[in-house]
Amino acid sequence: MAKILLIEDTLDIVELVRKALTSRDHHFFHAPDAESGLSMALQNIPDLILLDLGLPDYDGQTLAGWLRAESALAATPIIAFTAWPQETGKQMVDSYGCNGYISKPIVKINEFIAQVESFLKPS
């Protein structure tokens, strides 16, 4: 069971991700903005962070930089989770220091879960 932090401001997406991940017994945390996301990540040290790139307070690049600057989170995979066009999202992975990219909207739940789990380190 992995601890997964979703930093996302759209409540419908939050609920869908929560249901998908908890159905696989993952421990789910949610933060609605960058500042609470950083705080929650430091308090809980997740196994994976799903990061929306368009947050209400700071952009995804700023938050990814903050997360990467924290030694406690250095090994935590950060996955860009965005509705931006696929090519733009993939380009942001490198420039933002993310480990991967998952596109929104979630169309196939099982495919989404498999994508998330592919970024988790084996125990």
PDB file of N, CA and C in Angstrom:
ATOM      1  N   MET A   1       0.850  -1.181   0.000  1.00  0.00           N
ATOM      2  CA  MET A   1       0.000   0.000   0.000  1.00  0.00           C
ATOM      3  C   MET A   1       0.893   1.241   0.000  1.00  0.00           C
ATOM      4  N   ALA A   2       0.806   2.015  -1.044  1.00  0.00           N
ATOM      5  CA  ALA A   2       1.620   3.220  -1.182  1.00  0.00           C
ATOM      6  C   ALA A   2       0.869   4.442  -0.667  1.00  0.00           C
ATOM      7  N   LYS A   3       1.638   5.418  -0.210  1.00  0.00           N
ATOM      8  CA  LYS A   3       1.083   6.717   0.161  1.00  0.00           C
ATOM      9  C   LYS A   3       1.212   7.612  -1.066  1.00  0.00           C
ATOM     10  N   ILE A   4       0.061   8.086  -1.565  1.00  0.00           N
ATOM     11  CA  ILE A   4       0.052   8.894  -2.780  1.00  0.00           C
ATOM     12  C   ILE A   4      -0.602  10.241  -2.477  1.00  0.00           C
ATOM     13  N   LEU A   5       0.130  11.305  -2.799  1.00  0.00           N
ATOM     14  CA  LEU A   5      -0.367  12.663  -2.619  1.00  0.00           C
ATOM     15  C   LEU A   5      -0.796  13.218  -3.966  1.00  0.00           C
ATOM     16  N   LEU A   6      -2.042  13.664  -4.041  1.00  0.00           N
ATOM     17  CA  LEU A   6      -2.555  14.345  -5.220  1.00  0.00           C
ATOM     18  C   LEU A   6      -2.631  15.827  -4.901  1.00  0.00           C
ATOM     19  N   ILE A   7      -1.953  16.644  -5.709  1.00  0.00           N
ATOM     20  CA  ILE A   7      -2.043  18.097  -5.563  1.00  0.00           C
ATOM     21  C   ILE A   7      -2.856  18.580  -6.761  1.00  0.00           C
ATOM     22  N   GLU A   8      -4.114  18.899  -6.489  1.00  0.00           N
ATOM     23  CA  GLU A   8      -5.108  19.145  -7.553  1.00  0.00           C
ATOM     24  C   GLU A   8      -6.202  20.031  -6.995  1.00  0.00           C
ATOM     25  N   ASP A   9      -6.674  20.993  -7.798  1.00  0.00           N
ATOM     26  CA  ASP A   9      -7.703  21.913  -7.329  1.00  0.00           C
ATOM     27  C   ASP A   9      -9.107  21.620  -7.849  1.00  0.00           C
ATOM     28  N   THR A  10      -9.277  20.673  -8.753  1.00  0.00           N
ATOM     29  CA  THR A  10     -10.597  20.344  -9.295  1.00  0.00           C
ATOM     30  C   THR A  10     -11.189  19.168  -8.508  1.00  0.00           C
ATOM     31  N   LEU A  11     -12.250  19.454  -7.763  1.00  0.00           N
ATOM     32  CA  LEU A  11     -12.792  18.467  -6.827  1.00  0.00           C
ATOM     33  C   LEU A  11     -13.317  17.198  -7.485  1.00  0.00           C
ATOM     34  N   ASP A  12     -13.891  17.294  -8.677  1.00  0.00           N
ATOM     35  CA  ASP A  12     -14.368  16.089  -9.369  1.00  0.00           C
ATOM     36  C   ASP A  12     -13.210  15.140  -9.672  1.00  0.00           C
ATOM     37  N   ILE A  13     -12.088  15.701 -10.086  1.00  0.00           N
ATOM     38  CA  ILE A  13     -10.901  14.888 -10.367  1.00  0.00           C
ATOM     39  C   ILE A  13     -10.361  14.284  -9.075  1.00  0.00           C
ATOM     40  N   VAL A  14     -10.343  15.074  -8.020  1.00  0.00           N
ATOM     41  CA  VAL A  14      -9.869  14.586  -6.721  1.00  0.00           C
ATOM     42  C   VAL A  14     -10.676  13.361  -6.302  1.00  0.00           C
ATOM     43  N   GLU A  15     -11.985  13.441  -6.414  1.00  0.00           N
ATOM     44  CA  GLU A  15     -12.842  12.339  -5.987  1.00  0.00           C
ATOM     45  C   GLU A  15     -12.631  11.103  -6.843  1.00  0.00           C
ATOM     46  N   LEU A  16     -12.496  11.274  -8.144  1.00  0.00           N
ATOM     47  CA  LEU A  16     -12.261  10.143  -9.038  1.00  0.00           C
ATOM     48  C   LEU A  16     -10.922   9.470  -8.726  1.00  0.00           C
ATOM     49  N   VAL A  17      -9.876  10.259  -8.536  1.00  0.00           N
ATOM     50  CA  VAL A  17      -8.559   9.706  -8.211  1.00  0.00           C
ATOM     51  C   VAL A  17      -8.596   9.018  -6.854  1.00  0.00           C
ATOM     52  N   ARG A  18      -9.261   9.637  -5.878  1.00  0.00           N
ATOM     53  CA  ARG A  18      -9.371   9.029  -4.545  1.00  0.00           C
ATOM     54  C   ARG A  18     -10.019   7.656  -4.636  1.00  0.00           C
ATOM     55  N   LYS A  19     -11.141   7.573  -5.333  1.00  0.00           N
ATOM     56  CA  LYS A  19     -11.837   6.294  -5.461  1.00  0.00           C
ATOM     57  C   LYS A  19     -10.971   5.255  -6.172  1.00  0.00           C
ATOM     58  N   ALA A  20     -10.297   5.672  -7.234  1.00  0.00           N
ATOM     59  CA  ALA A  20      -9.456   4.740  -7.999  1.00  0.00           C
ATOM     60  C   ALA A  20      -8.308   4.206  -7.145  1.00  0.00           C
ATOM     61  N   LEU A  21      -7.623   5.099  -6.456  1.00  0.00           N
ATOM     62  CA  LEU A  21      -6.437   4.678  -5.700  1.00  0.00           C
ATOM     63  C   LEU A  21      -6.778   3.929  -4.420  1.00  0.00           C
ATOM     64  N   THR A  22      -7.829   4.343  -3.737  1.00  0.00           N
ATOM     65  CA  THR A  22      -8.196   3.625  -2.511  1.00  0.00           C
ATOM     66  C   THR A  22      -8.784   2.255  -2.837  1.00  0.00           C
ATOM     67  N   SER A  23      -9.313   2.073  -4.047  1.00  0.00           N
ATOM     68  CA  SER A  23      -9.808   0.751  -4.441  1.00  0.00           C
ATOM     69  C   SER A  23      -8.664  -0.261  -4.526  1.00  0.00           C
ATOM     70  N   ARG A  24      -7.447   0.232  -4.667  1.00  0.00           N
ATOM     71  CA  ARG A  24      -6.253  -0.617  -4.713  1.00  0.00           C
ATOM     72  C   ARG A  24      -5.485  -0.563  -3.388  1.00  0.00           C
ATOM     73  N   ASP A  25      -6.156  -0.078  -2.338  1.00  0.00           N
ATOM     74  CA  ASP A  25      -5.608  -0.008  -0.984  1.00  0.00           C
ATOM     75  C   ASP A  25      -4.441   0.961  -0.838  1.00  0.00           C
ATOM     76  N   HIS A  26      -4.328   1.922  -1.744  1.00  0.00           N
ATOM     77  CA  HIS A  26      -3.319   2.964  -1.569  1.00  0.00           C
ATOM     78  C   HIS A  26      -3.844   3.981  -0.561  1.00  0.00           C
ATOM     79  N   HIS A  27      -2.931   4.556   0.198  1.00  0.00           N
ATOM     80  CA  HIS A  27      -3.296   5.606   1.143  1.00  0.00           C
ATOM     81  C   HIS A  27      -3.275   6.922   0.375  1.00  0.00           C
ATOM     82  N   PHE A  28      -4.384   7.629   0.365  1.00  0.00           N
ATOM     83  CA  PHE A  28      -4.579   8.813  -0.466  1.00  0.00           C
ATOM     84  C   PHE A  28      -4.564  10.075   0.373  1.00  0.00           C
ATOM     85  N   PHE A  29      -3.778  11.061  -0.064  1.00  0.00           N
ATOM     86  CA  PHE A  29      -3.755  12.399   0.533  1.00  0.00           C
ATOM     87  C   PHE A  29      -4.098  13.385  -0.567  1.00  0.00           C
ATOM     88  N   HIS A  30      -4.686  14.501  -0.186  1.00  0.00           N
ATOM     89  CA  HIS A  30      -5.027  15.525  -1.184  1.00  0.00           C
ATOM     90  C   HIS A  30      -4.679  16.910  -0.657  1.00  0.00           C
ATOM     91  N   ALA A  31      -4.130  17.727  -1.556  1.00  0.00           N
ATOM     92  CA  ALA A  31      -3.900  19.142  -1.276  1.00  0.00           C
ATOM     93  C   ALA A  31      -4.464  19.939  -2.451  1.00  0.00           C
ATOM     94  N   PRO A  32      -5.193  21.029  -2.181  1.00  0.00           N
ATOM     95  CA  PRO A  32      -5.840  21.781  -3.261  1.00  0.00           C
ATOM     96  C   PRO A  32      -4.972  22.860  -3.908  1.00  0.00           C
ATOM     97  N   ASP A  33      -3.786  23.106  -3.347  1.00  0.00           N
ATOM     98  CA  ASP A  33      -2.931  24.159  -3.895  1.00  0.00           C
ATOM     99  C   ASP A  33      -1.470  23.860  -3.564  1.00  0.00           C
ATOM    100  N   ALA A  34      -0.591  24.679  -4.088  1.00  0.00           N
ATOM    101  CA  ALA A  34       0.851  24.437  -3.963  1.00  0.00           C
ATOM    102  C   ALA A  34       1.338  24.522  -2.517  1.00  0.00           C
ATOM    103  N   GLU A  35       0.936  25.548  -1.806  1.00  0.00           N
ATOM    104  CA  GLU A  35       1.433  25.719  -0.434  1.00  0.00           C
ATOM    105  C   GLU A  35       1.015  24.559   0.467  1.00  0.00           C
ATOM    106  N   SER A  36      -0.249  24.167   0.405  1.00  0.00           N
ATOM    107  CA  SER A  36      -0.680  23.040   1.239  1.00  0.00           C
ATOM    108  C   SER A  36      -0.080  21.736   0.719  1.00  0.00           C
ATOM    109  N   GLY A  37       0.168  21.654  -0.587  1.00  0.00           N
ATOM    110  CA  GLY A  37       0.806  20.467  -1.160  1.00  0.00           C
ATOM    111  C   GLY A  37       2.217  20.271  -0.631  1.00  0.00           C
ATOM    112  N   LEU A  38       2.993  21.336  -0.575  1.00  0.00           N
ATOM    113  CA  LEU A  38       4.344  21.252  -0.035  1.00  0.00           C
ATOM    114  C   LEU A  38       4.301  20.850   1.433  1.00  0.00           C
ATOM    115  N   SER A  39       3.437  21.484   2.192  1.00  0.00           N
ATOM    116  CA  SER A  39       3.304  21.172   3.611  1.00  0.00           C
ATOM    117  C   SER A  39       2.898  19.716   3.835  1.00  0.00           C
ATOM    118  N   MET A  40       1.903  19.254   3.090  1.00  0.00           N
ATOM    119  CA  MET A  40       1.430  17.883   3.243  1.00  0.00           C
ATOM    120  C   MET A  40       2.504  16.875   2.829  1.00  0.00           C
ATOM    121  N   ALA A  41       3.242  17.190   1.773  1.00  0.00           N
ATOM    122  CA  ALA A  41       4.317  16.295   1.324  1.00  0.00           C
ATOM    123  C   ALA A  41       5.388  16.160   2.402  1.00  0.00           C
ATOM    124  N   LEU A  42       5.732  17.252   3.048  1.00  0.00           N
ATOM    125  CA  LEU A  42       6.758  17.207   4.094  1.00  0.00           C
ATOM    126  C   LEU A  42       6.254  16.513   5.357  1.00  0.00           C
ATOM    127  N   GLN A  43       4.976  16.631   5.660  1.00  0.00           N
ATOM    128  CA  GLN A  43       4.407  15.995   6.844  1.00  0.00           C
ATOM    129  C   GLN A  43       4.238  14.494   6.661  1.00  0.00           C
ATOM    130  N   ASN A  44       3.933  14.059   5.440  1.00  0.00           N
ATOM    131  CA  ASN A  44       3.574  12.658   5.202  1.00  0.00           C
ATOM    132  C   ASN A  44       4.587  11.865   4.387  1.00  0.00           C
ATOM    133  N   ILE A  45       5.563  12.508   3.762  1.00  0.00           N
ATOM    134  CA  ILE A  45       6.553  11.885   2.876  1.00  0.00           C
ATOM    135  C   ILE A  45       5.896  10.775   2.037  1.00  0.00           C
ATOM    136  N   PRO A  46       5.206  11.184   0.974  1.00  0.00           N
ATOM    137  CA  PRO A  46       4.503  10.200   0.144  1.00  0.00           C
ATOM    138  C   PRO A  46       5.462   9.343  -0.680  1.00  0.00           C
ATOM    139  N   ASP A  47       4.951   8.232  -1.161  1.00  0.00           N
ATOM    140  CA  ASP A  47       5.702   7.362  -2.070  1.00  0.00           C
ATOM    141  C   ASP A  47       5.624   7.878  -3.505  1.00  0.00           C
ATOM    142  N   LEU A  48       4.621   8.740  -3.779  1.00  0.00           N
ATOM    143  CA  LEU A  48       4.406   9.279  -5.122  1.00  0.00           C
ATOM    144  C   LEU A  48       3.586  10.555  -4.998  1.00  0.00           C
ATOM    145  N   ILE A  49       3.916  11.543  -5.837  1.00  0.00           N
ATOM    146  CA  ILE A  49       3.145  12.786  -5.893  1.00  0.00           C
ATOM    147  C   ILE A  49       2.590  12.946  -7.299  1.00  0.00           C
ATOM    148  N   LEU A  50       1.270  13.104  -7.394  1.00  0.00           N
ATOM    149  CA  LEU A  50       0.607  13.462  -8.644  1.00  0.00           C
ATOM    150  C   LEU A  50       0.388  14.969  -8.606  1.00  0.00           C
ATOM    151  N   LEU A  51       1.005  15.693  -9.522  1.00  0.00           N
ATOM    152  CA  LEU A  51       1.029  17.148  -9.481  1.00  0.00           C
ATOM    153  C   LEU A  51       0.304  17.763 -10.675  1.00  0.00           C
ATOM    154  N   ASP A  52      -0.808  18.416 -10.386  1.00  0.00           N
ATOM    155  CA  ASP A  52      -1.492  19.215 -11.407  1.00  0.00           C
ATOM    156  C   ASP A  52      -0.592  20.411 -11.703  1.00  0.00           C
ATOM    157  N   LEU A  53      -0.402  20.729 -12.966  1.00  0.00           N
ATOM    158  CA  LEU A  53       0.507  21.821 -13.317  1.00  0.00           C
ATOM    159  C   LEU A  53      -0.161  23.191 -13.280  1.00  0.00           C
ATOM    160  N   GLY A  54      -1.490  23.219 -13.228  1.00  0.00           N
ATOM    161  CA  GLY A  54      -2.208  24.490 -13.179  1.00  0.00           C
ATOM    162  C   GLY A  54      -2.929  24.658 -11.856  1.00  0.00           C
ATOM    163  N   LEU A  55      -2.219  25.146 -10.859  1.00  0.00           N
ATOM    164  CA  LEU A  55      -2.787  25.307  -9.518  1.00  0.00           C
ATOM    165  C   LEU A  55      -3.190  26.766  -9.281  1.00  0.00           C
ATOM    166  N   PRO A  56      -4.075  27.018  -8.327  1.00  0.00           N
ATOM    167  CA  PRO A  56      -4.581  28.382  -8.143  1.00  0.00           C
ATOM    168  C   PRO A  56      -3.578  29.367  -7.529  1.00  0.00           C
ATOM    169  N   ASP A  57      -2.596  28.883  -6.773  1.00  0.00           N
ATOM    170  CA  ASP A  57      -1.697  29.820  -6.099  1.00  0.00           C
ATOM    171  C   ASP A  57      -0.326  29.939  -6.772  1.00  0.00           C
ATOM    172  N   TYR A  58       0.292  28.840  -7.139  1.00  0.00           N
ATOM    173  CA  TYR A  58       1.586  28.835  -7.822  1.00  0.00           C
ATOM    174  C   TYR A  58       1.516  27.835  -8.963  1.00  0.00           C
ATOM    175  N   ASP A  59       2.364  28.008  -9.962  1.00  0.00           N
ATOM    176  CA  ASP A  59       2.346  27.057 -11.065  1.00  0.00           C
ATOM    177  C   ASP A  59       3.086  25.780 -10.691  1.00  0.00           C
ATOM    178  N   GLY A  60       2.881  24.747 -11.493  1.00  0.00           N
ATOM    179  CA  GLY A  60       3.482  23.448 -11.224  1.00  0.00           C
ATOM    180  C   GLY A  60       4.998  23.473 -11.209  1.00  0.00           C
ATOM    181  N   GLN A  61       5.596  24.307 -12.038  1.00  0.00           N
ATOM    182  CA  GLN A  61       7.059  24.383 -12.078  1.00  0.00           C
ATOM    183  C   GLN A  61       7.604  24.905 -10.757  1.00  0.00           C
ATOM    184  N   THR A  62       6.967  25.902 -10.200  1.00  0.00           N
ATOM    185  CA  THR A  62       7.397  26.455  -8.913  1.00  0.00           C
ATOM    186  C   THR A  62       7.298  25.396  -7.826  1.00  0.00           C
ATOM    187  N   LEU A  63       6.158  24.722  -7.756  1.00  0.00           N
ATOM    188  CA  LEU A  63       5.974  23.700  -6.727  1.00  0.00           C
ATOM    189  C   LEU A  63       6.926  22.529  -6.931  1.00  0.00           C
ATOM    190  N   ALA A  64       7.108  22.093  -8.158  1.00  0.00           N
ATOM    191  CA  ALA A  64       8.055  20.997  -8.410  1.00  0.00           C
ATOM    192  C   ALA A  64       9.456  21.393  -7.930  1.00  0.00           C
ATOM    193  N   GLY A  65       9.837  22.632  -8.143  1.00  0.00           N
ATOM    194  CA  GLY A  65      11.137  23.116  -7.665  1.00  0.00           C
ATOM    195  C   GLY A  65      11.222  23.085  -6.153  1.00  0.00           C
ATOM    196  N   TRP A  66      10.160  23.514  -5.484  1.00  0.00           N
ATOM    197  CA  TRP A  66      10.145  23.468  -4.024  1.00  0.00           C
ATOM    198  C   TRP A  66      10.277  22.034  -3.522  1.00  0.00           C
ATOM    199  N   LEU A  67       9.511  21.134  -4.141  1.00  0.00           N
ATOM    200  CA  LEU A  67       9.535  19.729  -3.727  1.00  0.00           C
ATOM    201  C   LEU A  67      10.920  19.125  -3.948  1.00  0.00           C
ATOM    202  N   ARG A  68      11.532  19.421  -5.078  1.00  0.00           N
ATOM    203  CA  ARG A  68      12.855  18.867  -5.403  1.00  0.00           C
ATOM    204  C   ARG A  68      13.946  19.439  -4.492  1.00  0.00           C
ATOM    205  N   ALA A  69      13.717  20.616  -3.933  1.00  0.00           N
ATOM    206  CA  ALA A  69      14.707  21.242  -3.049  1.00  0.00           C
ATOM    207  C   ALA A  69      14.708  20.626  -1.648  1.00  0.00           C
ATOM    208  N   GLU A  70      13.703  19.839  -1.331  1.00  0.00           N
ATOM    209  CA  GLU A  70      13.587  19.222  -0.011  1.00  0.00           C
ATOM    210  C   GLU A  70      14.284  17.858  -0.018  1.00  0.00           C
ATOM    211  N   SER A  71      15.315  17.711   0.788  1.00  0.00           N
ATOM    212  CA  SER A  71      16.070  16.448   0.804  1.00  0.00           C
ATOM    213  C   SER A  71      15.191  15.261   1.200  1.00  0.00           C
ATOM    214  N   ALA A  72      14.203  15.485   2.046  1.00  0.00           N
ATOM    215  CA  ALA A  72      13.313  14.399   2.471  1.00  0.00           C
ATOM    216  C   ALA A  72      12.475  13.861   1.313  1.00  0.00           C
ATOM    217  N   LEU A  73      12.334  14.658   0.254  1.00  0.00           N
ATOM    218  CA  LEU A  73      11.502  14.258  -0.886  1.00  0.00           C
ATOM    219  C   LEU A  73      12.332  13.934  -2.129  1.00  0.00           C
ATOM    220  N   ALA A  74      13.642  13.904  -1.988  1.00  0.00           N
ATOM    221  CA  ALA A  74      14.531  13.724  -3.140  1.00  0.00           C
ATOM    222  C   ALA A  74      14.241  12.450  -3.928  1.00  0.00           C
ATOM    223  N   ALA A  75      13.846  11.387  -3.251  1.00  0.00           N
ATOM    224  CA  ALA A  75      13.605  10.103  -3.923  1.00  0.00           C
ATOM    225  C   ALA A  75      12.135   9.904  -4.304  1.00  0.00           C
ATOM    226  N   THR A  76      11.289  10.861  -3.972  1.00  0.00           N
ATOM    227  CA  THR A  76       9.855  10.726  -4.244  1.00  0.00           C
ATOM    228  C   THR A  76       9.559  11.059  -5.704  1.00  0.00           C
ATOM    229  N   PRO A  77       8.986  10.119  -6.456  1.00  0.00           N
ATOM    230  CA  PRO A  77       8.613  10.431  -7.838  1.00  0.00           C
ATOM    231  C   PRO A  77       7.519  11.497  -7.874  1.00  0.00           C
ATOM    232  N   ILE A  78       7.698  12.478  -8.773  1.00  0.00           N
ATOM    233  CA  ILE A  78       6.689  13.503  -9.012  1.00  0.00           C
ATOM    234  C   ILE A  78       6.191  13.294 -10.438  1.00  0.00           C
ATOM    235  N   ILE A  79       4.884  13.096 -10.562  1.00  0.00           N
ATOM    236  CA  ILE A  79       4.277  12.829 -11.856  1.00  0.00           C
ATOM    237  C   ILE A  79       3.396  14.011 -12.249  1.00  0.00           C
ATOM    238  N   ALA A  80       3.707  14.641 -13.372  1.00  0.00           N
ATOM    239  CA  ALA A  80       2.865  15.712 -13.896  1.00  0.00           C
ATOM    240  C   ALA A  80       1.516  15.110 -14.273  1.00  0.00           C
ATOM    241  N   PHE A  81       0.457  15.699 -13.761  1.00  0.00           N
ATOM    242  CA  PHE A  81      -0.903  15.194 -13.970  1.00  0.00           C
ATOM    243  C   PHE A  81      -1.730  16.367 -14.482  1.00  0.00           C
ATOM    244  N   THR A  82      -1.894  16.445 -15.800  1.00  0.00           N
ATOM    245  CA  THR A  82      -2.452  17.660 -16.362  1.00  0.00           C
ATOM    246  C   THR A  82      -3.270  17.423 -17.621  1.00  0.00           C
ATOM    247  N   ALA A  83      -4.138  18.366 -17.900  1.00  0.00           N
ATOM    248  CA  ALA A  83      -4.935  18.336 -19.126  1.00  0.00           C
ATOM    249  C   ALA A  83      -4.259  19.126 -20.243  1.00  0.00           C
ATOM    250  N   TRP A  84      -3.064  19.616 -19.996  1.00  0.00           N
ATOM    251  CA  TRP A  84      -2.333  20.307 -21.067  1.00  0.00           C
ATOM    252  C   TRP A  84      -2.170  19.348 -22.235  1.00  0.00           C
ATOM    253  N   PRO A  85      -1.984  19.871 -23.443  1.00  0.00           N
ATOM    254  CA  PRO A  85      -1.758  18.984 -24.584  1.00  0.00           C
ATOM    255  C   PRO A  85      -0.599  18.023 -24.308  1.00  0.00           C
ATOM    256  N   GLN A  86      -0.720  16.806 -24.809  1.00  0.00           N
ATOM    257  CA  GLN A  86       0.238  15.745 -24.482  1.00  0.00           C
ATOM    258  C   GLN A  86       1.680  16.142 -24.747  1.00  0.00           C
ATOM    259  N   GLU A  87       1.964  16.746 -25.886  1.00  0.00           N
ATOM    260  CA  GLU A  87       3.352  17.124 -26.192  1.00  0.00           C
ATOM    261  C   GLU A  87       3.874  18.159 -25.213  1.00  0.00           C
ATOM    262  N   THR A  88       3.044  19.133 -24.856  1.00  0.00           N
ATOM    263  CA  THR A  88       3.444  20.146 -23.877  1.00  0.00           C
ATOM    264  C   THR A  88       3.700  19.492 -22.530  1.00  0.00           C
ATOM    265  N   GLY A  89       2.804  18.604 -22.118  1.00  0.00           N
ATOM    266  CA  GLY A  89       2.968  17.899 -20.847  1.00  0.00           C
ATOM    267  C   GLY A  89       4.253  17.110 -20.792  1.00  0.00           C
ATOM    268  N   LYS A  90       4.566  16.415 -21.865  1.00  0.00           N
ATOM    269  CA  LYS A  90       5.801  15.623 -21.896  1.00  0.00           C
ATOM    270  C   LYS A  90       7.038  16.512 -21.835  1.00  0.00           C
ATOM    271  N   GLN A  91       6.982  17.672 -22.474  1.00  0.00           N
ATOM    272  CA  GLN A  91       8.104  18.608 -22.411  1.00  0.00           C
ATOM    273  C   GLN A  91       8.286  19.138 -20.992  1.00  0.00           C
ATOM    274  N   MET A  92       7.189  19.327 -20.296  1.00  0.00           N
ATOM    275  CA  MET A  92       7.246  19.855 -18.937  1.00  0.00           C
ATOM    276  C   MET A  92       7.879  18.860 -17.962  1.00  0.00           C
ATOM    277  N   VAL A  93       7.777  17.577 -18.254  1.00  0.00           N
ATOM    278  CA  VAL A  93       8.359  16.560 -17.379  1.00  0.00           C
ATOM    279  C   VAL A  93       9.837  16.863 -17.137  1.00  0.00           C
ATOM    280  N   ASP A  94      10.579  17.084 -18.197  1.00  0.00           N
ATOM    281  CA  ASP A  94      12.004  17.366 -18.055  1.00  0.00           C
ATOM    282  C   ASP A  94      12.253  18.740 -17.448  1.00  0.00           C
ATOM    283  N   SER A  95      11.587  19.749 -17.955  1.00  0.00           N
ATOM    284  CA  SER A  95      11.878  21.100 -17.480  1.00  0.00           C
ATOM    285  C   SER A  95      11.404  21.325 -16.040  1.00  0.00           C
ATOM    286  N   TYR A  96      10.411  20.584 -15.583  1.00  0.00           N
ATOM    287  CA  TYR A  96       9.917  20.742 -14.221  1.00  0.00           C
ATOM    288  C   TYR A  96      10.595  19.782 -13.241  1.00  0.00           C
ATOM    289  N   GLY A  97      11.417  18.857 -13.733  1.00  0.00           N
ATOM    290  CA  GLY A  97      12.056  17.894 -12.847  1.00  0.00           C
ATOM    291  C   GLY A  97      11.122  16.784 -12.406  1.00  0.00           C
ATOM    292  N   CYS A  98      10.133  16.478 -13.229  1.00  0.00           N
ATOM    293  CA  CYS A  98       9.200  15.402 -12.904  1.00  0.00           C
ATOM    294  C   CYS A  98       9.741  14.072 -13.418  1.00  0.00           C
ATOM    295  N   ASN A  99       9.165  12.996 -12.898  1.00  0.00           N
ATOM    296  CA  ASN A  99       9.581  11.649 -13.289  1.00  0.00           C
ATOM    297  C   ASN A  99       8.718  11.057 -14.394  1.00  0.00           C
ATOM    298  N   GLY A 100       7.597  11.695 -14.686  1.00  0.00           N
ATOM    299  CA  GLY A 100       6.706  11.176 -15.703  1.00  0.00           C
ATOM    300  C   GLY A 100       5.499  12.067 -15.871  1.00  0.00           C
ATOM    301  N   TYR A 101       4.570  11.594 -16.696  1.00  0.00           N
ATOM    302  CA  TYR A 101       3.413  12.387 -17.089  1.00  0.00           C
ATOM    303  C   TYR A 101       2.197  11.470 -17.217  1.00  0.00           C
ATOM    304  N   ILE A 102       1.076  11.909 -16.663  1.00  0.00           N
ATOM    305  CA  ILE A 102      -0.207  11.228 -16.862  1.00  0.00           C
ATOM    306  C   ILE A 102      -1.199  12.287 -17.323  1.00  0.00           C
ATOM    307  N   SER A 103      -1.879  11.973 -18.397  1.00  0.00           N
ATOM    308  CA  SER A 103      -2.806  12.914 -19.016  1.00  0.00           C
ATOM    309  C   SER A 103      -4.188  12.867 -18.372  1.00  0.00           C
ATOM    310  N   LYS A 104      -4.807  14.029 -18.249  1.00  0.00           N
ATOM    311  CA  LYS A 104      -6.209  14.147 -17.878  1.00  0.00           C
ATOM    312  C   LYS A 104      -6.979  14.463 -19.144  1.00  0.00           C
ATOM    313  N   PRO A 105      -8.228  14.119 -19.233  1.00  0.00           N
ATOM    314  CA  PRO A 105      -9.043  13.494 -18.202  1.00  0.00           C
ATOM    315  C   PRO A 105      -8.768  11.993 -18.099  1.00  0.00           C
ATOM    316  N   ILE A 106      -9.179  11.444 -16.974  1.00  0.00           N
ATOM    317  CA  ILE A 106      -9.093  10.003 -16.771  1.00  0.00           C
ATOM    318  C   ILE A 106     -10.262   9.383 -17.521  1.00  0.00           C
ATOM    319  N   VAL A 107      -9.957   8.562 -18.509  1.00  0.00           N
ATOM    320  CA  VAL A 107     -10.999   7.933 -19.310  1.00  0.00           C
ATOM    321  C   VAL A 107     -11.197   6.479 -18.885  1.00  0.00           C
ATOM    322  N   LYS A 108     -10.090   5.774 -18.694  1.00  0.00           N
ATOM    323  CA  LYS A 108     -10.138   4.362 -18.303  1.00  0.00           C
ATOM    324  C   LYS A 108      -9.475   4.223 -16.934  1.00  0.00           C
ATOM    325  N   ILE A 109     -10.285   3.903 -15.938  1.00  0.00           N
ATOM    326  CA  ILE A 109      -9.799   3.840 -14.559  1.00  0.00           C
ATOM    327  C   ILE A 109      -8.659   2.834 -14.403  1.00  0.00           C
ATOM    328  N   ASN A 110      -8.820   1.634 -14.944  1.00  0.00           N
ATOM    329  CA  ASN A 110      -7.778   0.611 -14.786  1.00  0.00           C
ATOM    330  C   ASN A 110      -6.466   1.038 -15.440  1.00  0.00           C
ATOM    331  N   GLU A 111      -6.564   1.725 -16.571  1.00  0.00           N
ATOM    332  CA  GLU A 111      -5.365   2.224 -17.244  1.00  0.00           C
ATOM    333  C   GLU A 111      -4.680   3.301 -16.386  1.00  0.00           C
ATOM    334  N   PHE A 112      -5.487   4.190 -15.794  1.00  0.00           N
ATOM    335  CA  PHE A 112      -4.950   5.221 -14.908  1.00  0.00           C
ATOM    336  C   PHE A 112      -4.230   4.593 -13.716  1.00  0.00           C
ATOM    337  N   ILE A 113      -4.865   3.620 -13.076  1.00  0.00           N
ATOM    338  CA  ILE A 113      -4.251   2.951 -11.918  1.00  0.00           C
ATOM    339  C   ILE A 113      -2.936   2.286 -12.333  1.00  0.00           C
ATOM    340  N   ALA A 114      -2.923   1.630 -13.464  1.00  0.00           N
ATOM    341  CA  ALA A 114      -1.702   0.976 -13.943  1.00  0.00           C
ATOM    342  C   ALA A 114      -0.600   1.999 -14.204  1.00  0.00           C
ATOM    343  N   GLN A 115      -0.958   3.159 -14.762  1.00  0.00           N
ATOM    344  CA  GLN A 115       0.035   4.210 -14.987  1.00  0.00           C
ATOM    345  C   GLN A 115       0.619   4.683 -13.665  1.00  0.00           C
ATOM    346  N   VAL A 116      -0.236   4.959 -12.701  1.00  0.00           N
ATOM    347  CA  VAL A 116       0.231   5.425 -11.391  1.00  0.00           C
ATOM    348  C   VAL A 116       1.152   4.380 -10.769  1.00  0.00           C
ATOM    349  N   GLU A 117       0.703   3.137 -10.749  1.00  0.00           N
ATOM    350  CA  GLU A 117       1.485   2.075 -10.101  1.00  0.00           C
ATOM    351  C   GLU A 117       2.816   1.799 -10.814  1.00  0.00           C
ATOM    352  N   SER A 118       2.901   2.124 -12.101  1.00  0.00           N
ATOM    353  CA  SER A 118       4.162   1.910 -12.815  1.00  0.00           C
ATOM    354  C   SER A 118       5.256   2.843 -12.317  1.00  0.00           C
ATOM    355  N   PHE A 119       4.875   3.938 -11.654  1.00  0.00           N
ATOM    356  CA  PHE A 119       5.871   4.881 -11.119  1.00  0.00           C
ATOM    357  C   PHE A 119       6.264   4.589  -9.669  1.00  0.00           C
ATOM    358  N   LEU A 120       5.607   3.623  -9.052  1.00  0.00           N
ATOM    359  CA  LEU A 120       5.930   3.267  -7.669  1.00  0.00           C
ATOM    360  C   LEU A 120       7.115   2.321  -7.655  1.00  0.00           C
ATOM    361  N   LYS A 121       7.993   2.548  -6.692  1.00  0.00           N
ATOM    362  CA  LYS A 121       9.156   1.672  -6.536  1.00  0.00           C
ATOM    363  C   LYS A 121       8.714   0.372  -5.901  1.00  0.00           C
ATOM    364  N   PRO A 122       9.275  -0.757  -6.338  1.00  0.00           N
ATOM    365  CA  PRO A 122       8.922  -2.023  -5.690  1.00  0.00           C
ATOM    366  C   PRO A 122       9.354  -2.006  -4.227  1.00  0.00           C
ATOM    367  N   SER A 123       8.548  -2.608  -3.396  1.00  0.00           N
ATOM    368  CA  SER A 123       8.843  -2.628  -1.944  1.00  0.00           C
ATOM    369  C   SER A 123       9.945  -3.605  -1.629  1.00  0.00           C
TER     370      SER A 123
END
